[in-house]
Structures are given as C-alpha cells and as structure tokens.
C-alpha atoms as a PDB file:
ATOM      1  CA  MET A   1      70.622  83.383  66.344  1.00  0.00           C
ATOM      2  CA  ASN A   2      71.961  84.333  70.037  1.00  0.00           C
ATOM      3  CA  LYS A   3      68.656  83.152  71.893  1.00  0.00           C
ATOM      4  CA  ILE A   4      69.292  79.819  73.325  1.00  0.00           C
ATOM      5  CA  LYS A   5      66.766  77.419  74.223  1.00  0.00           C
ATOM      6  CA  ALA A   6      66.058  76.653  77.793  1.00  0.00           C
ATOM      7  CA  GLN A   7      66.144  72.542  77.558  1.00  0.00           C
ATOM      8  CA  LEU A   8      69.761  73.217  75.356  1.00  0.00           C
ATOM      9  CA  PHE A   9      71.266  75.481  78.120  1.00  0.00           C
ATOM     10  CA  GLU A  10      70.008  73.356  80.996  1.00  0.00           C
ATOM     11  CA  GLN A  11      71.697  70.374  78.966  1.00  0.00           C
ATOM     12  CA  LEU A  12      74.927  72.248  78.138  1.00  0.00           C
ATOM     13  CA  ILE A  13      75.596  73.059  81.611  1.00  0.00           C
ATOM     14  CA  GLU A  14      75.008  69.856  83.070  1.00  0.00           C
ATOM     15  CA  LEU A  15      77.383  68.665  80.233  1.00  0.00           C
ATOM     16  CA  GLU A  16      79.689  71.474  81.277  1.00  0.00           C
ATOM     17  CA  ARG A  17      79.688  70.818  84.800  1.00  0.00           C
ATOM     18  CA  SER A  18      80.198  66.823  84.084  1.00  0.00           C
ATOM     19  CA  LEU A  19      83.583  67.854  83.118  1.00  0.00           C
ATOM     20  CA  MET A  20      84.221  69.153  86.792  1.00  0.00           C
ATOM     21  CA  ARG A  21      83.275  66.091  88.411  1.00  0.00           C
ATOM     22  CA  GLU A  22      86.114  63.832  90.261  1.00  0.00           C
ATOM     23  CA  ASP A  23      83.859  60.194  88.588  1.00  0.00           C
ATOM     24  CA  VAL A  24      84.036  62.205  85.179  1.00  0.00           C
ATOM     25  CA  ARG A  25      87.674  63.322  84.950  1.00  0.00           C
ATOM     26  CA  ALA A  26      88.830  60.308  86.317  1.00  0.00           C
ATOM     27  CA  ASP A  27      87.368  57.966  83.096  1.00  0.00           C
ATOM     28  CA  ALA A  28      89.269  58.789  79.976  1.00  0.00           C
ATOM     29  CA  ALA A  29      86.131  56.856  78.168  1.00  0.00           C
ATOM     30  CA  ARG A  30      83.720  59.023  79.385  1.00  0.00           C
ATOM     31  CA  LEU A  31      86.011  62.184  78.742  1.00  0.00           C
ATOM     32  CA  ASN A  32      86.622  60.977  75.424  1.00  0.00           C
ATOM     33  CA  ALA A  33      82.807  60.757  74.554  1.00  0.00           C
ATOM     34  CA  LEU A  34      82.441  64.536  76.098  1.00  0.00           C
ATOM     35  CA  ILE A  35      85.597  65.988  74.155  1.00  0.00           C
ATOM     36  CA  ASP A  36      85.557  66.867  70.448  1.00  0.00           C
ATOM     37  CA  ASP A  37      88.555  65.426  68.447  1.00  0.00           C
ATOM     38  CA  ASP A  38      89.413  69.386  67.091  1.00  0.00           C
ATOM     39  CA  PHE A  39      89.193  70.398  71.421  1.00  0.00           C
ATOM     40  CA  ILE A  40      91.874  73.271  72.249  1.00  0.00           C
ATOM     41  CA  GLU A  41      91.689  74.473  75.347  1.00  0.00           C
ATOM     42  CA  VAL A  42      93.523  77.485  76.632  1.00  0.00           C
ATOM     43  CA  SER A  43      94.401  77.612  80.596  1.00  0.00           C
ATOM     44  CA  SER A  44      94.146  80.468  82.768  1.00  0.00           C
ATOM     45  CA  ASP A  45      98.160  80.550  82.642  1.00  0.00           C
ATOM     46  CA  GLY A  46      98.028  80.673  79.262  1.00  0.00           C
ATOM     47  CA  LYS A  47      98.896  77.126  78.523  1.00  0.00           C
ATOM     48  CA  ARG A  48      97.319  75.239  75.481  1.00  0.00           C
ATOM     49  CA  PHE A  49      96.291  71.898  75.759  1.00  0.00           C
ATOM     50  CA  ASN A  50      94.635  69.560  73.079  1.00  0.00           C
ATOM     51  CA  LYS A  51      92.416  66.351  73.721  1.00  0.00           C
ATOM     52  CA  ALA A  52      95.250  64.010  73.884  1.00  0.00           C
ATOM     53  CA  ASN A  53      96.857  66.122  76.271  1.00  0.00           C
ATOM     54  CA  VAL A  54      93.531  66.226  78.704  1.00  0.00           C
ATOM     55  CA  LEU A  55      92.702  62.352  78.139  1.00  0.00           C
ATOM     56  CA  GLU A  56      96.109  62.045  79.285  1.00  0.00           C
ATOM     57  CA  ARG A  57      96.229  64.659  82.361  1.00  0.00           C
ATOM     58  CA  LEU A  58      92.540  64.567  83.897  1.00  0.00           C
ATOM     59  CA  PRO A  59      92.711  60.874  85.115  1.00  0.00           C
ATOM     60  CA  LYS A  60      96.105  61.041  86.370  1.00  0.00           C
ATOM     61  CA  GLU A  61      95.017  63.832  88.553  1.00  0.00           C
ATOM     62  CA  GLN A  62      92.459  61.929  90.447  1.00  0.00           C
ATOM     63  CA  SER A  63      94.634  59.316  91.158  1.00  0.00           C
ATOM     64  CA  LYS A  64      96.865  61.770  93.603  1.00  0.00           C
ATOM     65  CA  SER A  65      95.331  63.247  96.917  1.00  0.00           C
ATOM     66  CA  ARG A  66      94.821  66.497  95.796  1.00  0.00           C
ATOM     67  CA  LYS A  67      91.787  66.403  93.920  1.00  0.00           C
ATOM     68  CA  PRO A  68      90.721  69.692  92.608  1.00  0.00           C
ATOM     69  CA  LEU A  69      87.401  71.189  93.526  1.00  0.00           C
ATOM     70  CA  PHE A  70      85.301  73.109  91.513  1.00  0.00           C
ATOM     71  CA  HIS A  71      82.330  75.708  92.119  1.00  0.00           C
ATOM     72  CA  ASN A  72      80.819  77.662  89.318  1.00  0.00           C
ATOM     73  CA  GLN A  73      77.668  79.879  88.712  1.00  0.00           C
ATOM     74  CA  ASP A  74      76.394  82.733  86.817  1.00  0.00           C
ATOM     75  CA  PHE A  75      76.163  80.698  82.983  1.00  0.00           C
ATOM     76  CA  ILE A  76      75.427  82.168  79.761  1.00  0.00           C
ATOM     77  CA  GLY A  77      74.463  80.954  76.724  1.00  0.00           C
ATOM     78  CA  ARG A  78      74.417  81.645  73.562  1.00  0.00           C
ATOM     79  CA  MET A  79      73.697  80.244  69.943  1.00  0.00           C
ATOM     80  CA  LEU A  80      76.609  80.738  67.178  1.00  0.00           C
ATOM     81  CA  SER A  81      74.985  78.823  64.742  1.00  0.00           C
ATOM     82  CA  ASP A  82      72.411  75.706  64.941  1.00  0.00           C
ATOM     83  CA  THR A  83      75.422  73.222  65.746  1.00  0.00           C
ATOM     84  CA  LEU A  84      77.336  75.556  68.418  1.00  0.00           C
ATOM     85  CA  VAL A  85      76.499  77.342  71.688  1.00  0.00           C
ATOM     86  CA  GLN A  86      78.925  79.303  73.903  1.00  0.00           C
ATOM     87  CA  LEU A  87      78.766  79.150  77.185  1.00  0.00           C
ATOM     88  CA  TYR A  88      80.092  81.806  79.903  1.00  0.00           C
ATOM     89  CA  TYR A  89      80.320  81.532  83.578  1.00  0.00           C
ATOM     90  CA  ARG A  90      82.439  82.013  86.608  1.00  0.00           C
ATOM     91  CA  SER A  91      84.205  79.701  88.042  1.00  0.00           C
ATOM     92  CA  ALA A  92      86.079  78.663  91.733  1.00  0.00           C
ATOM     93  CA  LEU A  93      88.965  76.107  92.039  1.00  0.00           C
ATOM     94  CA  ARG A  94      90.334  75.052  94.703  1.00  0.00           C
ATOM     95  CA  ARG A  95      93.235  72.361  94.344  1.00  0.00           C
ATOM     96  CA  ILE A  96      93.364  70.923  97.664  1.00  0.00           C
ATOM     97  CA  LYS A  97      91.375  70.679 100.713  1.00  0.00           C
ATOM     98  CA  GLY A  98      91.180  73.535 102.701  1.00  0.00           C
ATOM     99  CA  GLY A  99      93.433  75.598 100.272  1.00  0.00           C
ATOM    100  CA  GLN A 100      92.977  78.941  98.419  1.00  0.00           C
ATOM    101  CA  TRP A 101      90.159  79.571  95.921  1.00  0.00           C
ATOM    102  CA  HIS A 102      91.360  80.514  92.596  1.00  0.00           C
ATOM    103  CA  PHE A 103      88.533  82.913  90.695  1.00  0.00           C
ATOM    104  CA  SER A 104      88.357  82.713  86.783  1.00  0.00           C
ATOM    105  CA  SER A 105      86.007  83.645  83.975  1.00  0.00           C
ATOM    106  CA  ARG A 106      85.342  80.674  81.753  1.00  0.00           C
ATOM    107  CA  MET A 107      83.967  80.162  78.255  1.00  0.00           C
ATOM    108  CA  SER A 108      83.141  77.263  76.367  1.00  0.00           C
ATOM    109  CA  LEU A 109      82.367  76.275  72.814  1.00  0.00           C
ATOM    110  CA  TRP A 110      79.948  73.133  72.523  1.00  0.00           C
ATOM    111  CA  ARG A 111      79.816  71.717  68.917  1.00  0.00           C
ATOM    112  CA  LEU A 112      77.036  69.528  67.754  1.00  0.00           C
ATOM    113  CA  ASP A 113      78.362  66.351  66.046  1.00  0.00           C
ATOM    114  CA  SER A 114      77.467  64.145  63.276  1.00  0.00           C
ATOM    115  CA  GLU A 115      75.849  61.734  65.794  1.00  0.00           C
ATOM    116  CA  GLN A 116      73.422  64.473  67.239  1.00  0.00           C
ATOM    117  CA  GLN A 117      76.223  64.456  70.575  1.00  0.00           C
ATOM    118  CA  TRP A 118      77.179  67.794  71.932  1.00  0.00           C
ATOM    119  CA  ARG A 119      80.854  67.720  72.354  1.00  0.00           C
ATOM    120  CA  VAL A 120      83.381  70.828  74.047  1.00  0.00           C
ATOM    121  CA  VAL A 121      85.452  71.887  71.176  1.00  0.00           C
ATOM    122  CA  TYR A 122      87.192  74.860  72.808  1.00  0.00           C
ATOM    123  CA  HIS A 123      87.694  76.245  76.674  1.00  0.00           C
ATOM    124  CA  GLN A 124      89.303  78.794  77.825  1.00  0.00           C
ATOM    125  CA  SER A 125      90.043  80.290  81.677  1.00  0.00           C
ATOM    126  CA  THR A 126      90.645  83.518  82.642  1.00  0.00           C
ATOM    127  CA  PRO A 127      91.772  84.976  86.220  1.00  0.00           C
ATOM    128  CA  CYS A 128      89.457  87.215  87.762  1.00  0.00           C
ATOM    129  CA  GLU A 129      88.497  88.869  90.983  1.00  0.00           C
ATOM    130  CA  ALA A 130      87.165  86.942  93.560  1.00  0.00           C
ATOM    131  CA  PHE A 131      83.216  86.895  93.749  1.00  0.00           C
ATOM    132  CA  THR A 132      80.631  85.451  96.550  1.00  0.00           C
ATOM    133  CA  LEU A 133      80.471  81.887  96.119  1.00  0.00           C
ATOM    134  CA  GLU A 134      76.652  81.120  95.599  1.00  0.00           C
END
C-alpha cells in the first residue's frame, strides 16, 4: 500500500504548499476547506494546535508586517491506506524579510473525506540541520 500515484502525489504537494501561501493563510474560509475538523499540529517548539487555533492564528499573521516566507523541498509521499497519505519534506522558514532561515523536517497526514476532498489531518515540524535550498 506504500506506493503513491504520481498525480495524487503532485496534487498533495500543491495542497501542502498552498497552506504556506500568503493568500491562503490570510483567508480563514480557504484554510477551513483544507484543514480537517480533527486536525492536530505539533509545532517545532512542541506546542500543540487544533483547527480552531490555526483558523484564528494564521489570518492574523498576515496582517502584521512580519509575514513568513517558506521554502520546501525533497518531498516523499506514501499511502498509509486508500484514504490516508503521509507527506514528508524539508522546509526552511524565514519569519521576517532578510532574517535568519529556520530549518525543519516536516510531516503531514492528508485524509480523503466523505466529500472526496483531501484535507490535512496532522502536521508536525521538527528542527533539523541547515541544508542547501534548491
């Protein structure tokens, strides 16, 4: 069951990357459509968030002058079941323009819901060594 079809893999990478785009992060309705009601996030500092926390926090971050910049690469995907996919990738985050990059390994679980929509149900970020941005 581990092999993921290329089309689904690319679709989920695009969905994952959309969660890092400024226009999506600023729009609670778009976030709501991408995030499963059972969502849990464990941030790189070990804090735990649920969907309500994310829907409240992310749109506000865009109103500040400190808008985060994300870079991600080296995606790996695998099917855990017909309706659950694990994505792993490396990411770099810069919280302010010209600021320092913070590097992490990230993992998300995407679940196909009853409406046949893929929604992120779990996300975790773990600090890692710096790597070359591609």
